[in-house]
């Protein structure tokens, strides 16, 4: 099976950094900045222009230019669909499908945990390990005060993310777009052979990976950022946890 560039469709704080690094490491296609269509990143001008004009033809042209004319140089893309206009995500999916991309829908089964992580990052400004190591000691020392987490924002974010995910799933199904699906827990859950599951996913997406491939190092169990250790210093966090546990409880 010939290798393909890939498009990862996901939400913020799903836990896709290691997965993205792994897939980039085994791909012959160029990897670029994560979430390149965010307004402050590589293809941000495409997003800003559409936000300002709602011009679908210009949006399609901008996406086509971003993906390039050379099939051997199609960029691998990790795309968070909760931070850009839904129409952009829909056109990006269509454009990538038409160009033979391998598409992965990557979500998290424990939505409450994902959103807890998201609101901690929004509150503290620590989105990665390096930022956490710099910011968390400042919070503990009282030199940085986290922004309060508001109940209304939690409810709105959960509702919007559910809507966006339903739109993506609906498009993939209705337009018959071939894709793989994974939950974070299927790759990183307790008792999971992460390397073996990663190799299965890679095969689905067109890449054969040997059991001793160095790229599998991304699935070694690493340390945590210590986000939960700082949570008691974040105003509104306990209330957000209780609310998310209630709203995300599986229906019986």
Protein backbone atom coordinates (compact mmCIF):
# COMPACT_ATOMS: atom_id res chain seq x y z
CA UNK A 1 0.00 0.00 0.00
CA UNK A 2 1.52 3.36 -0.97
CA UNK A 3 2.06 5.81 1.86
CA UNK A 4 -0.21 8.82 2.10
CA UNK A 5 -0.07 12.19 3.79
CA UNK A 6 -2.37 12.34 6.76
CA UNK A 7 -4.99 14.60 8.31
CA UNK A 8 -5.71 14.19 12.02
CA UNK A 9 -9.08 15.61 13.03
CA UNK A 10 -9.24 16.21 16.75
CA UNK A 11 -10.14 18.53 19.63
CA UNK A 12 -7.82 20.42 21.92
CA UNK A 13 -6.37 18.46 24.86
CA UNK A 14 -7.27 15.08 23.42
CA UNK A 15 -3.68 13.97 24.00
CA UNK A 16 -2.47 13.81 20.43
CA UNK A 17 1.05 15.25 20.71
CA UNK A 18 2.82 11.87 20.97
CA UNK A 19 0.59 10.31 18.32
CA UNK A 20 1.24 13.18 15.92
CA UNK A 21 4.99 13.00 16.52
CA UNK A 22 4.92 9.25 15.89
CA UNK A 23 3.01 9.56 12.62
CA UNK A 24 5.29 12.38 11.51
CA UNK A 25 8.33 10.25 12.24
CA UNK A 26 7.22 7.43 9.94
CA UNK A 27 5.90 9.62 7.12
CA UNK A 28 7.83 10.62 3.99
CA UNK A 29 5.61 13.68 3.69
CA UNK A 30 6.56 17.03 5.25
CA UNK A 31 5.29 17.79 8.72
CA UNK A 32 4.44 21.37 9.56
CA UNK A 33 3.29 23.35 12.57
CA UNK A 34 0.47 21.67 14.47
CA UNK A 35 -2.98 23.17 13.89
CA UNK A 36 -1.73 25.32 11.01
CA UNK A 37 -5.15 26.84 10.27
CA UNK A 38 -5.40 28.47 13.71
CA UNK A 39 -5.55 32.21 13.13
CA UNK A 40 -2.07 32.86 14.57
CA UNK A 41 -0.29 30.05 12.69
CA UNK A 42 1.05 29.11 9.27
CA UNK A 43 -2.21 29.07 7.32
CA UNK A 44 -3.95 31.53 9.62
CA UNK A 45 -4.42 34.07 6.81
CA UNK A 46 -6.79 31.61 5.11
CA UNK A 47 -8.86 31.37 8.29
CA UNK A 48 -8.85 35.10 8.96
CA UNK A 49 -9.88 35.91 5.40
CA UNK A 50 -12.82 33.51 5.57
CA UNK A 51 -13.85 34.78 8.99
CA UNK A 52 -13.96 38.31 7.59
CA UNK A 53 -15.55 37.63 4.18
CA UNK A 54 -17.36 34.26 4.36
CA UNK A 55 -16.14 33.75 0.76
CA UNK A 56 -16.28 29.97 0.19
CA UNK A 57 -14.56 30.11 -3.20
CA UNK A 58 -11.64 32.01 -1.71
CA UNK A 59 -11.56 29.56 1.20
CA UNK A 60 -11.33 26.58 -1.15
CA UNK A 61 -8.58 28.30 -3.13
CA UNK A 62 -6.66 29.08 0.06
CA UNK A 63 -6.87 25.49 1.27
CA UNK A 64 -5.79 24.21 -2.14
CA UNK A 65 -2.78 26.50 -2.06
CA UNK A 66 -1.91 25.36 1.46
CA UNK A 67 -2.00 21.70 0.41
CA UNK A 68 0.16 22.43 -2.62
CA UNK A 69 0.35 21.19 -6.19
CA UNK A 70 3.03 18.52 -5.75
CA UNK A 71 1.52 15.23 -4.52
CA UNK A 72 4.90 14.23 -3.06
CA UNK A 73 5.00 17.33 -0.89
CA UNK A 74 1.53 17.34 0.62
CA UNK A 75 1.86 18.45 4.25
CA UNK A 76 0.76 16.25 7.12
CA UNK A 77 -1.82 18.19 9.14
CA UNK A 78 -3.05 17.95 12.72
CA UNK A 79 -6.27 19.96 12.81
CA UNK A 80 -8.28 20.92 15.91
CA UNK A 81 -11.79 21.57 14.67
CA UNK A 82 -13.00 23.29 17.84
CA UNK A 83 -11.07 26.54 17.17
CA UNK A 84 -11.79 27.34 13.51
CA UNK A 85 -15.03 27.93 11.56
CA UNK A 86 -16.90 24.67 10.85
CA UNK A 87 -17.03 25.53 7.14
CA UNK A 88 -13.24 25.59 7.03
CA UNK A 89 -13.04 22.15 8.62
CA UNK A 90 -15.61 20.81 6.15
CA UNK A 91 -13.71 22.17 3.14
CA UNK A 92 -10.38 20.94 4.52
CA UNK A 93 -11.80 17.43 4.90
CA UNK A 94 -13.12 17.47 1.34
CA UNK A 95 -9.86 18.82 -0.07
CA UNK A 96 -7.75 16.25 1.76
CA UNK A 97 -10.06 13.38 0.80
CA UNK A 98 -9.89 14.44 -2.85
CA UNK A 99 -6.08 14.40 -2.67
CA UNK A 100 -5.83 10.93 -1.20
CA UNK A 101 -5.02 11.79 2.38
CA UNK A 102 -5.30 9.19 5.12
CA UNK A 103 -7.77 10.69 7.58
CA UNK A 104 -7.93 9.95 11.30
CA UNK A 105 -10.67 11.10 13.67
CA UNK A 106 -8.96 11.15 17.07
CA UNK A 107 -11.10 11.80 20.14
CA UNK A 108 -11.14 11.03 23.85
CA UNK A 109 -13.62 8.72 25.51
CA UNK A 110 -13.34 10.57 28.83
CA UNK A 111 -14.65 13.94 27.69
CA UNK A 112 -14.82 15.29 31.24
CA UNK A 113 -11.07 14.72 31.70
CA UNK A 114 -10.29 16.34 28.35
CA UNK A 115 -12.26 19.45 29.23
CA UNK A 116 -10.75 19.64 32.71
CA UNK A 117 -7.35 19.71 31.03
CA UNK A 118 -8.53 22.33 28.56
CA UNK A 119 -9.85 24.69 31.22
CA UNK A 120 -6.73 24.29 33.34
CA UNK A 121 -4.64 25.27 30.32
CA UNK A 122 -6.91 28.23 29.54
CA UNK A 123 -6.77 29.33 33.17
CA UNK A 124 -3.02 28.98 33.74
CA UNK A 125 -1.60 29.52 30.26
CA UNK A 126 0.37 26.27 30.51
CA UNK A 127 -0.34 24.29 27.34
CA UNK A 128 2.71 22.01 27.38
CA UNK A 129 5.34 20.57 29.66
CA UNK A 130 7.84 23.40 29.21
CA UNK A 131 5.22 26.04 29.99
CA UNK A 132 4.00 24.07 33.02
CA UNK A 133 7.52 23.86 34.43
CA UNK A 134 7.85 27.62 34.08
CA UNK A 135 4.36 28.75 35.14
CA UNK A 136 3.33 26.31 37.88
CA UNK A 137 6.07 27.34 40.35
CA UNK A 138 5.03 30.96 39.80
CA UNK A 139 1.43 30.06 40.63
CA UNK A 140 2.47 28.18 43.75
CA UNK A 141 4.57 31.16 44.84
CA UNK A 142 1.62 33.51 44.35
CA UNK A 143 3.30 35.52 41.60
CA UNK A 144 0.80 34.39 38.95
CA UNK A 145 -2.93 34.16 39.59
CA UNK A 146 -4.86 31.76 37.33
CA UNK A 147 -7.94 33.07 35.60
CA UNK A 148 -11.17 31.83 37.18
CA UNK A 149 -13.12 29.07 35.42
CA UNK A 150 -16.74 30.09 34.90
CA UNK A 151 -19.63 27.64 34.84
CA UNK A 152 -21.22 29.30 31.80
CA UNK A 153 -18.01 28.88 29.80
CA UNK A 154 -17.81 25.20 30.74
CA UNK A 155 -21.38 24.59 29.60
CA UNK A 156 -20.86 26.50 26.36
CA UNK A 157 -17.59 24.73 25.54
CA UNK A 158 -19.03 21.29 26.12
CA UNK A 159 -22.09 22.04 23.97
CA UNK A 160 -20.03 23.57 21.17
CA UNK A 161 -17.50 20.73 21.11
CA UNK A 162 -20.29 18.16 20.94
CA UNK A 163 -21.83 20.08 18.05
CA UNK A 164 -18.53 20.33 16.18
CA UNK A 165 -17.78 16.63 16.65
CA UNK A 166 -21.25 15.70 15.40
CA UNK A 167 -20.71 17.84 12.29
CA UNK A 168 -17.41 16.13 11.50
CA UNK A 169 -18.79 12.64 12.07
CA UNK A 170 -21.85 13.46 9.99
CA UNK A 171 -19.80 14.76 7.09
CA UNK A 172 -17.48 11.76 7.06
CA UNK A 173 -20.47 9.41 7.06
CA UNK A 174 -22.70 11.30 4.61
CA UNK A 175 -19.94 11.95 2.08
CA UNK A 176 -18.57 8.41 2.36
CA UNK A 177 -15.07 9.60 3.27
CA UNK A 178 -12.79 6.74 4.26
CA UNK A 179 -11.14 7.32 7.63
CA UNK A 180 -9.82 5.68 10.77
CA UNK A 181 -11.19 6.35 14.26
CA UNK A 182 -9.42 6.12 17.60
CA UNK A 183 -10.01 7.20 21.18
CA UNK A 184 -7.05 8.36 23.23
CA UNK A 185 -7.76 5.52 25.63
CA UNK A 186 -7.32 2.92 22.88
CA UNK A 187 -3.69 4.00 22.53
CA UNK A 188 -2.77 5.22 26.00
CA UNK A 189 -5.26 3.59 28.37
CA UNK A 190 -4.27 1.53 31.37
CA UNK A 191 -3.06 -1.92 30.35
CA UNK A 192 -2.85 -1.04 26.65
CA UNK A 193 0.15 -2.11 24.57
CA UNK A 194 0.52 1.36 23.10
CA UNK A 195 3.25 0.46 20.63
CA UNK A 196 1.27 -2.46 19.22
CA UNK A 197 -1.86 -0.34 18.87
CA UNK A 198 0.15 2.41 17.20
CA UNK A 199 1.48 -0.06 14.64
CA UNK A 200 -2.07 -1.23 13.86
CA UNK A 201 -3.19 2.35 13.34
CA UNK A 202 -0.18 3.12 11.15
CA UNK A 203 -1.01 0.11 8.97
CA UNK A 204 -4.60 1.36 8.57
CA UNK A 205 -3.19 4.69 7.42
CA UNK A 206 -0.80 3.15 4.91
CA UNK A 207 2.50 2.76 6.81
CA UNK A 208 4.15 -0.46 7.95
CA UNK A 209 6.11 -0.02 11.19
CA UNK A 210 8.57 -2.59 12.54
CA UNK A 211 8.26 -3.54 16.24
CA UNK A 212 11.68 -1.99 16.93
CA UNK A 213 11.14 1.23 14.96
CA UNK A 214 12.63 4.18 16.83
CA UNK A 215 9.46 6.21 16.19
CA UNK A 216 7.65 4.03 18.73
CA UNK A 217 9.58 5.79 21.50
CA UNK A 218 6.72 8.29 21.60
CA UNK A 219 4.61 5.60 23.25
CA UNK A 220 6.93 5.08 26.18
CA UNK A 221 5.04 6.03 29.32
CA UNK A 222 6.33 9.46 30.24
CA UNK A 223 5.83 11.77 33.17
CA UNK A 224 2.84 14.04 33.65
CA UNK A 225 2.78 17.82 33.73
CA UNK A 226 1.42 17.87 37.28
CA UNK A 227 -1.72 19.75 36.25
CA UNK A 228 -3.86 18.16 38.94
CA UNK A 229 -1.34 19.26 41.58
CA UNK A 230 -1.97 22.91 40.70
CA UNK A 231 -5.74 22.56 40.36
CA UNK A 232 -6.58 23.58 43.92
CA UNK A 233 -5.10 27.01 43.18
CA UNK A 234 -7.38 27.60 40.17
CA UNK A 235 -10.57 29.50 41.05
CA UNK A 236 -13.67 27.58 40.00
CA UNK A 237 -11.86 24.34 39.19
CA UNK A 238 -13.63 22.10 41.77
CA UNK A 239 -16.99 23.39 40.58
CA UNK A 240 -16.00 22.76 36.94
CA UNK A 241 -14.96 19.20 37.77
CA UNK A 242 -18.29 18.49 39.48
CA UNK A 243 -20.23 20.04 36.62
CA UNK A 244 -18.36 18.11 33.95
CA UNK A 245 -18.77 14.86 35.85
CA UNK A 246 -22.50 15.52 35.91
CA UNK A 247 -22.85 16.65 32.28
CA UNK A 248 -20.59 13.96 30.80
CA UNK A 249 -22.04 11.07 32.79
CA UNK A 250 -22.98 8.24 30.40
CA UNK A 251 -26.72 7.74 30.10
CA UNK A 252 -27.94 4.43 31.54
